[in-house]
Amino acid sequence: MICEKFSSMSEEEIKALLKSRMNAHRFEHSLNVAERAVFLAEKYGADSEKAYFAGLVHDVCKGIPEAEQLSIIEEAGIALDEDTRRSPALWHSIAGAVYIQKELSVTDGDIINAVCYHTSGRANMSMLEKVVYMADLTSAERNYPDAEYTRKLTDYSLDEGIAYGVRWIAGDLKKRGLPAGKDTEALFDEYKNVEITYKE
């Protein structure tokens, strides 16, 4: 019943929709992010039902062609800044925020923003946005270098998890010669002085 609180579709209908739009690995990731988002929401004081829903649908546009993602964004009248236009990896988040409003009848602004900024992050995120951002980065199947450390760190302190995560992301983008984008840069700047105190 959670999904019906925020959408015109039931949970079963949304899961069927996701399966039709993404491969099995991405669907598993979506389920894992929803589960992880609930855990973090309950730990840090966000709405766990909104966290589940946003986590479930956060990648609804990830599996469609980039040209289609861009078309969804442009048809919504959203003008991308130059760095975001040069970073197709960010498009699915923005397109997803548009899609859930148009196709799933989502009107909750915090859920919409959590989907929109789950990849880039941004300065002054709401608690729900923070939870979904880190749930995506630390979901159960993630196996990038330091993934397990980042999970444990996030369980210890959400802010330390964000600080570590955005530093890692910004560094990885720099190594690959890709722009971080204004929102990630703003998040990095907000958290640049957060000390990592967690010790394994």
C-alpha atoms as a PDB file:
ATOM      1  CA  MET A   1       0.000   0.000   0.000  1.00  0.00           C
ATOM      2  CA  ILE A   2       2.985   2.334   0.344  1.00  0.00           C
ATOM      3  CA  CYS A   3       3.223   3.111  -3.368  1.00  0.00           C
ATOM      4  CA  GLU A   4      -0.450   4.064  -3.671  1.00  0.00           C
ATOM      5  CA  LYS A   5       0.142   6.842  -1.116  1.00  0.00           C
ATOM      6  CA  PHE A   6       2.443   8.629  -3.548  1.00  0.00           C
ATOM      7  CA  SER A   7       1.509   7.306  -6.984  1.00  0.00           C
ATOM      8  CA  SER A   8      -1.378   6.309  -9.215  1.00  0.00           C
ATOM      9  CA  MET A   9       0.144   2.818  -9.470  1.00  0.00           C
ATOM     10  CA  SER A  10       0.361  -0.062  -7.021  1.00  0.00           C
ATOM     11  CA  GLU A  11       3.678  -1.560  -5.926  1.00  0.00           C
ATOM     12  CA  GLU A  12       3.072  -4.583  -8.160  1.00  0.00           C
ATOM     13  CA  GLU A  13       2.360  -2.332 -11.141  1.00  0.00           C
ATOM     14  CA  ILE A  14       5.471  -0.237 -10.485  1.00  0.00           C
ATOM     15  CA  LYS A  15       7.665  -3.336 -10.191  1.00  0.00           C
ATOM     16  CA  ALA A  16       6.234  -4.669 -13.462  1.00  0.00           C
ATOM     17  CA  LEU A  17       6.925  -1.299 -15.080  1.00  0.00           C
ATOM     18  CA  LEU A  18      10.513  -1.297 -13.802  1.00  0.00           C
ATOM     19  CA  LYS A  19      11.093  -4.836 -15.079  1.00  0.00           C
ATOM     20  CA  SER A  20       9.918  -3.719 -18.523  1.00  0.00           C
ATOM     21  CA  ARG A  21      12.327  -0.756 -18.550  1.00  0.00           C
ATOM     22  CA  MET A  22      15.540  -2.240 -17.128  1.00  0.00           C
ATOM     23  CA  ASN A  23      17.641  -5.386 -17.014  1.00  0.00           C
ATOM     24  CA  ALA A  24      17.628  -7.863 -14.127  1.00  0.00           C
ATOM     25  CA  HIS A  25      20.713  -6.359 -12.465  1.00  0.00           C
ATOM     26  CA  ARG A  26      19.228  -2.854 -12.480  1.00  0.00           C
ATOM     27  CA  PHE A  27      15.933  -4.172 -11.102  1.00  0.00           C
ATOM     28  CA  GLU A  28      17.779  -5.943  -8.277  1.00  0.00           C
ATOM     29  CA  HIS A  29      19.640  -2.683  -7.604  1.00  0.00           C
ATOM     30  CA  SER A  30      16.331  -0.795  -7.401  1.00  0.00           C
ATOM     31  CA  LEU A  31      14.959  -3.261  -4.840  1.00  0.00           C
ATOM     32  CA  ASN A  32      18.204  -3.044  -2.857  1.00  0.00           C
ATOM     33  CA  VAL A  33      18.169   0.761  -2.866  1.00  0.00           C
ATOM     34  CA  ALA A  34      14.568   0.785  -1.641  1.00  0.00           C
ATOM     35  CA  GLU A  35      15.480  -1.578   1.212  1.00  0.00           C
ATOM     36  CA  ARG A  36      18.627   0.356   2.092  1.00  0.00           C
ATOM     37  CA  ALA A  37      16.754   3.668   1.950  1.00  0.00           C
ATOM     38  CA  VAL A  38      14.236   2.389   4.510  1.00  0.00           C
ATOM     39  CA  PHE A  39      17.060   1.357   6.836  1.00  0.00           C
ATOM     40  CA  LEU A  40      18.797   4.729   6.565  1.00  0.00           C
ATOM     41  CA  ALA A  41      15.516   6.640   6.858  1.00  0.00           C
ATOM     42  CA  GLU A  42      14.620   4.856  10.087  1.00  0.00           C
ATOM     43  CA  LYS A  43      18.133   5.420  11.436  1.00  0.00           C
ATOM     44  CA  TYR A  44      18.393   9.101  10.561  1.00  0.00           C
ATOM     45  CA  GLY A  45      14.828  10.364  10.800  1.00  0.00           C
ATOM     46  CA  ALA A  46      13.508  10.558   7.241  1.00  0.00           C
ATOM     47  CA  ASP A  47      10.071   9.277   6.180  1.00  0.00           C
ATOM     48  CA  SER A  48      10.650   5.558   5.605  1.00  0.00           C
ATOM     49  CA  GLU A  49       7.652   5.147   3.273  1.00  0.00           C
ATOM     50  CA  LYS A  50       8.812   7.991   1.035  1.00  0.00           C
ATOM     51  CA  ALA A  51      12.338   6.547   1.185  1.00  0.00           C
ATOM     52  CA  TYR A  52      11.099   3.136   0.021  1.00  0.00           C
ATOM     53  CA  PHE A  53       9.112   4.612  -2.846  1.00  0.00           C
ATOM     54  CA  ALA A  54      11.875   6.978  -4.002  1.00  0.00           C
ATOM     55  CA  GLY A  55      14.461   4.213  -3.759  1.00  0.00           C
ATOM     56  CA  LEU A  56      12.290   1.848  -5.773  1.00  0.00           C
ATOM     57  CA  VAL A  57      11.699   4.273  -8.660  1.00  0.00           C
ATOM     58  CA  HIS A  58      14.979   6.229  -8.599  1.00  0.00           C
ATOM     59  CA  ASP A  59      16.380   4.518 -11.720  1.00  0.00           C
ATOM     60  CA  VAL A  60      13.129   4.320 -13.703  1.00  0.00           C
ATOM     61  CA  CYS A  61      14.817   6.054 -16.672  1.00  0.00           C
ATOM     62  CA  LYS A  62      18.281   4.500 -16.291  1.00  0.00           C
ATOM     63  CA  GLY A  63      17.688   1.672 -18.755  1.00  0.00           C
ATOM     64  CA  ILE A  64      16.286   3.699 -21.646  1.00  0.00           C
ATOM     65  CA  PRO A  65      18.474   5.228 -24.400  1.00  0.00           C
ATOM     66  CA  GLU A  66      20.244   8.492 -23.553  1.00  0.00           C
ATOM     67  CA  ALA A  67      18.504  10.214 -26.473  1.00  0.00           C
ATOM     68  CA  GLU A  68      15.150   9.316 -24.920  1.00  0.00           C
ATOM     69  CA  GLN A  69      16.288  10.571 -21.509  1.00  0.00           C
ATOM     70  CA  LEU A  70      17.311  13.885 -23.070  1.00  0.00           C
ATOM     71  CA  SER A  71      14.014  14.107 -24.939  1.00  0.00           C
ATOM     72  CA  ILE A  72      12.035  13.677 -21.697  1.00  0.00           C
ATOM     73  CA  ILE A  73      14.062  16.462 -20.097  1.00  0.00           C
ATOM     74  CA  GLU A  74      13.717  18.837 -23.039  1.00  0.00           C
ATOM     75  CA  GLU A  75       9.995  18.184 -23.463  1.00  0.00           C
ATOM     76  CA  ALA A  76       9.569  19.196 -19.816  1.00  0.00           C
ATOM     77  CA  GLY A  77      11.182  22.533 -20.628  1.00  0.00           C
ATOM     78  CA  ILE A  78      14.259  21.899 -18.496  1.00  0.00           C
ATOM     79  CA  ALA A  79      17.388  23.653 -19.775  1.00  0.00           C
ATOM     80  CA  LEU A  80      20.548  21.773 -18.827  1.00  0.00           C
ATOM     81  CA  ASP A  81      23.698  23.674 -17.963  1.00  0.00           C
ATOM     82  CA  GLU A  82      26.752  22.943 -20.111  1.00  0.00           C
ATOM     83  CA  ASP A  83      28.414  20.525 -17.662  1.00  0.00           C
ATOM     84  CA  THR A  84      25.220  18.500 -17.182  1.00  0.00           C
ATOM     85  CA  ARG A  85      24.674  18.336 -20.934  1.00  0.00           C
ATOM     86  CA  ARG A  86      28.209  16.947 -21.249  1.00  0.00           C
ATOM     87  CA  SER A  87      27.494  14.330 -18.549  1.00  0.00           C
ATOM     88  CA  PRO A  88      24.900  11.842 -19.852  1.00  0.00           C
ATOM     89  CA  ALA A  89      25.268   9.798 -16.645  1.00  0.00           C
ATOM     90  CA  LEU A  90      23.269  12.531 -14.885  1.00  0.00           C
ATOM     91  CA  TRP A  91      20.395  12.610 -17.360  1.00  0.00           C
ATOM     92  CA  HIS A  92      18.501   9.557 -16.102  1.00  0.00           C
ATOM     93  CA  SER A  93      18.011  11.174 -12.688  1.00  0.00           C
ATOM     94  CA  ILE A  94      16.482  14.351 -14.117  1.00  0.00           C
ATOM     95  CA  ALA A  95      14.424  12.402 -16.648  1.00  0.00           C
ATOM     96  CA  GLY A  96      13.288  10.086 -13.872  1.00  0.00           C
ATOM     97  CA  ALA A  97      12.010  13.007 -11.809  1.00  0.00           C
ATOM     98  CA  VAL A  98      10.000  14.204 -14.808  1.00  0.00           C
ATOM     99  CA  TYR A  99       8.769  10.690 -15.620  1.00  0.00           C
ATOM    100  CA  ILE A 100       7.423   9.884 -12.154  1.00  0.00           C
ATOM    101  CA  GLN A 101       5.420  13.104 -12.178  1.00  0.00           C
ATOM    102  CA  LYS A 102       4.010  12.563 -15.651  1.00  0.00           C
ATOM    103  CA  GLU A 103       3.482   8.793 -15.726  1.00  0.00           C
ATOM    104  CA  LEU A 104       3.126   7.850 -12.040  1.00  0.00           C
ATOM    105  CA  SER A 105       1.276  11.015 -10.934  1.00  0.00           C
ATOM    106  CA  VAL A 106       3.796  11.706  -8.168  1.00  0.00           C
ATOM    107  CA  THR A 107       3.283  15.135  -6.618  1.00  0.00           C
ATOM    108  CA  ASP A 108       5.414  14.938  -3.460  1.00  0.00           C
ATOM    109  CA  GLY A 109       8.231  17.451  -3.962  1.00  0.00           C
ATOM    110  CA  ASP A 110      10.676  15.720  -1.629  1.00  0.00           C
ATOM    111  CA  ILE A 111      10.317  12.403  -3.491  1.00  0.00           C
ATOM    112  CA  ILE A 112      10.700  14.167  -6.837  1.00  0.00           C
ATOM    113  CA  ASN A 113      13.869  15.902  -5.636  1.00  0.00           C
ATOM    114  CA  ALA A 114      15.255  12.693  -4.140  1.00  0.00           C
ATOM    115  CA  VAL A 115      14.975  11.056  -7.559  1.00  0.00           C
ATOM    116  CA  CYS A 116      16.271  14.124  -9.401  1.00  0.00           C
ATOM    117  CA  TYR A 117      19.429  14.474  -7.282  1.00  0.00           C
ATOM    118  CA  HIS A 118      20.202  10.859  -6.409  1.00  0.00           C
ATOM    119  CA  THR A 119      23.219  10.823  -8.740  1.00  0.00           C
ATOM    120  CA  SER A 120      24.590  14.357  -8.524  1.00  0.00           C
ATOM    121  CA  GLY A 121      23.568  15.303  -5.023  1.00  0.00           C
ATOM    122  CA  ARG A 122      23.334  19.019  -4.300  1.00  0.00           C
ATOM    123  CA  ALA A 123      23.961  21.473  -1.491  1.00  0.00           C
ATOM    124  CA  ASN A 124      21.392  21.672   1.312  1.00  0.00           C
ATOM    125  CA  MET A 125      19.743  18.342   0.571  1.00  0.00           C
ATOM    126  CA  SER A 126      16.710  17.315   2.597  1.00  0.00           C
ATOM    127  CA  MET A 127      17.093  14.284   4.848  1.00  0.00           C
ATOM    128  CA  LEU A 128      15.176  12.191   2.308  1.00  0.00           C
ATOM    129  CA  GLU A 129      17.482  13.329  -0.492  1.00  0.00           C
ATOM    130  CA  LYS A 130      20.529  12.423   1.609  1.00  0.00           C
ATOM    131  CA  VAL A 131      19.088   9.011   2.437  1.00  0.00           C
ATOM    132  CA  VAL A 132      18.332   8.111  -1.196  1.00  0.00           C
ATOM    133  CA  TYR A 133      21.682   9.510  -2.392  1.00  0.00           C
ATOM    134  CA  MET A 134      23.588   7.279   0.035  1.00  0.00           C
ATOM    135  CA  ALA A 135      21.246   4.302  -0.357  1.00  0.00           C
ATOM    136  CA  ASP A 136      22.073   4.344  -4.061  1.00  0.00           C
ATOM    137  CA  LEU A 137      25.801   4.568  -3.358  1.00  0.00           C
ATOM    138  CA  THR A 138      25.813   1.848  -0.689  1.00  0.00           C
ATOM    139  CA  SER A 139      23.142  -0.645  -1.802  1.00  0.00           C
ATOM    140  CA  ALA A 140      23.835  -4.314  -1.111  1.00  0.00           C
ATOM    141  CA  GLU A 141      25.122  -5.289  -4.567  1.00  0.00           C
ATOM    142  CA  ARG A 142      27.586  -2.390  -4.882  1.00  0.00           C
ATOM    143  CA  ASN A 143      31.137  -3.754  -5.098  1.00  0.00           C
ATOM    144  CA  TYR A 144      33.290  -0.792  -6.164  1.00  0.00           C
ATOM    145  CA  PRO A 145      36.546  -0.221  -4.235  1.00  0.00           C
ATOM    146  CA  ASP A 146      35.698   0.877  -0.680  1.00  0.00           C
ATOM    147  CA  ALA A 147      32.012  -0.042  -1.084  1.00  0.00           C
ATOM    148  CA  GLU A 148      31.906  -2.010   2.172  1.00  0.00           C
ATOM    149  CA  TYR A 149      33.784   0.722   4.022  1.00  0.00           C
ATOM    150  CA  THR A 150      31.382   3.343   2.660  1.00  0.00           C
ATOM    151  CA  ARG A 151      28.413   1.261   3.853  1.00  0.00           C
ATOM    152  CA  LYS A 152      29.854   0.955   7.357  1.00  0.00           C
ATOM    153  CA  LEU A 153      30.783   4.630   7.423  1.00  0.00           C
ATOM    154  CA  THR A 154      27.264   5.627   6.362  1.00  0.00           C
ATOM    155  CA  ASP A 155      25.802   3.434   9.100  1.00  0.00           C
ATOM    156  CA  TYR A 156      28.042   5.266  11.574  1.00  0.00           C
ATOM    157  CA  SER A 157      27.337   8.799  10.302  1.00  0.00           C
ATOM    158  CA  LEU A 158      25.225   9.866   7.341  1.00  0.00           C
ATOM    159  CA  ASP A 159      27.131  13.122   6.962  1.00  0.00           C
ATOM    160  CA  GLU A 160      30.507  11.380   7.064  1.00  0.00           C
ATOM    161  CA  GLY A 161      29.202   8.921   4.485  1.00  0.00           C
ATOM    162  CA  ILE A 162      28.155  11.778   2.204  1.00  0.00           C
ATOM    163  CA  ALA A 163      31.480  13.555   2.696  1.00  0.00           C
ATOM    164  CA  TYR A 164      33.440  10.420   1.824  1.00  0.00           C
ATOM    165  CA  GLY A 165      31.135   9.508  -1.046  1.00  0.00           C
ATOM    166  CA  VAL A 166      31.162  12.885  -2.780  1.00  0.00           C
ATOM    167  CA  ARG A 167      34.950  13.119  -2.447  1.00  0.00           C
ATOM    168  CA  TRP A 168      35.290   9.695  -4.054  1.00  0.00           C
ATOM    169  CA  ILE A 169      32.851  10.585  -6.851  1.00  0.00           C
ATOM    170  CA  ALA A 170      34.489  13.948  -7.566  1.00  0.00           C
ATOM    171  CA  GLY A 171      37.918  12.321  -7.647  1.00  0.00           C
ATOM    172  CA  ASP A 172      36.744   9.537  -9.948  1.00  0.00           C
ATOM    173  CA  LEU A 173      35.184  12.020 -12.380  1.00  0.00           C
ATOM    174  CA  LYS A 174      38.362  14.092 -12.391  1.00  0.00           C
ATOM    175  CA  LYS A 175      40.471  11.010 -13.181  1.00  0.00           C
ATOM    176  CA  ARG A 176      38.193  10.220 -16.118  1.00  0.00           C
ATOM    177  CA  GLY A 177      38.285  13.804 -17.375  1.00  0.00           C
ATOM    178  CA  LEU A 178      34.562  14.354 -16.813  1.00  0.00           C
ATOM    179  CA  PRO A 179      32.932  17.455 -15.308  1.00  0.00           C
ATOM    180  CA  ALA A 180      31.473  17.000 -11.854  1.00  0.00           C
ATOM    181  CA  GLY A 181      28.640  19.429 -12.573  1.00  0.00           C
ATOM    182  CA  LYS A 182      27.490  22.362 -10.482  1.00  0.00           C
ATOM    183  CA  ASP A 183      25.338  20.332  -8.085  1.00  0.00           C
ATOM    184  CA  THR A 184      28.073  17.816  -7.236  1.00  0.00           C
ATOM    185  CA  GLU A 185      30.573  20.649  -6.882  1.00  0.00           C
ATOM    186  CA  ALA A 186      28.182  22.446  -4.511  1.00  0.00           C
ATOM    187  CA  LEU A 187      27.770  19.266  -2.438  1.00  0.00           C
ATOM    188  CA  PHE A 188      31.531  18.737  -2.397  1.00  0.00           C
ATOM    189  CA  ASP A 189      32.024  22.316  -1.192  1.00  0.00           C
ATOM    190  CA  GLU A 190      29.398  21.903   1.534  1.00  0.00           C
ATOM    191  CA  TYR A 191      31.071  18.755   2.888  1.00  0.00           C
ATOM    192  CA  LYS A 192      34.743  19.520   2.233  1.00  0.00           C
ATOM    193  CA  ASN A 193      35.421  20.297   5.897  1.00  0.00           C
ATOM    194  CA  VAL A 194      33.544  17.319   7.344  1.00  0.00           C
ATOM    195  CA  GLU A 195      36.086  15.176   9.176  1.00  0.00           C
ATOM    196  CA  ILE A 196      35.936  11.399   8.782  1.00  0.00           C
ATOM    197  CA  THR A 197      36.127  10.139  12.361  1.00  0.00           C
ATOM    198  CA  TYR A 198      34.958   6.557  11.779  1.00  0.00           C
ATOM    199  CA  LYS A 199      37.529   3.831  12.444  1.00  0.00           C
ATOM    200  CA  GLU A 200      36.924   0.215  11.444  1.00  0.00           C
END
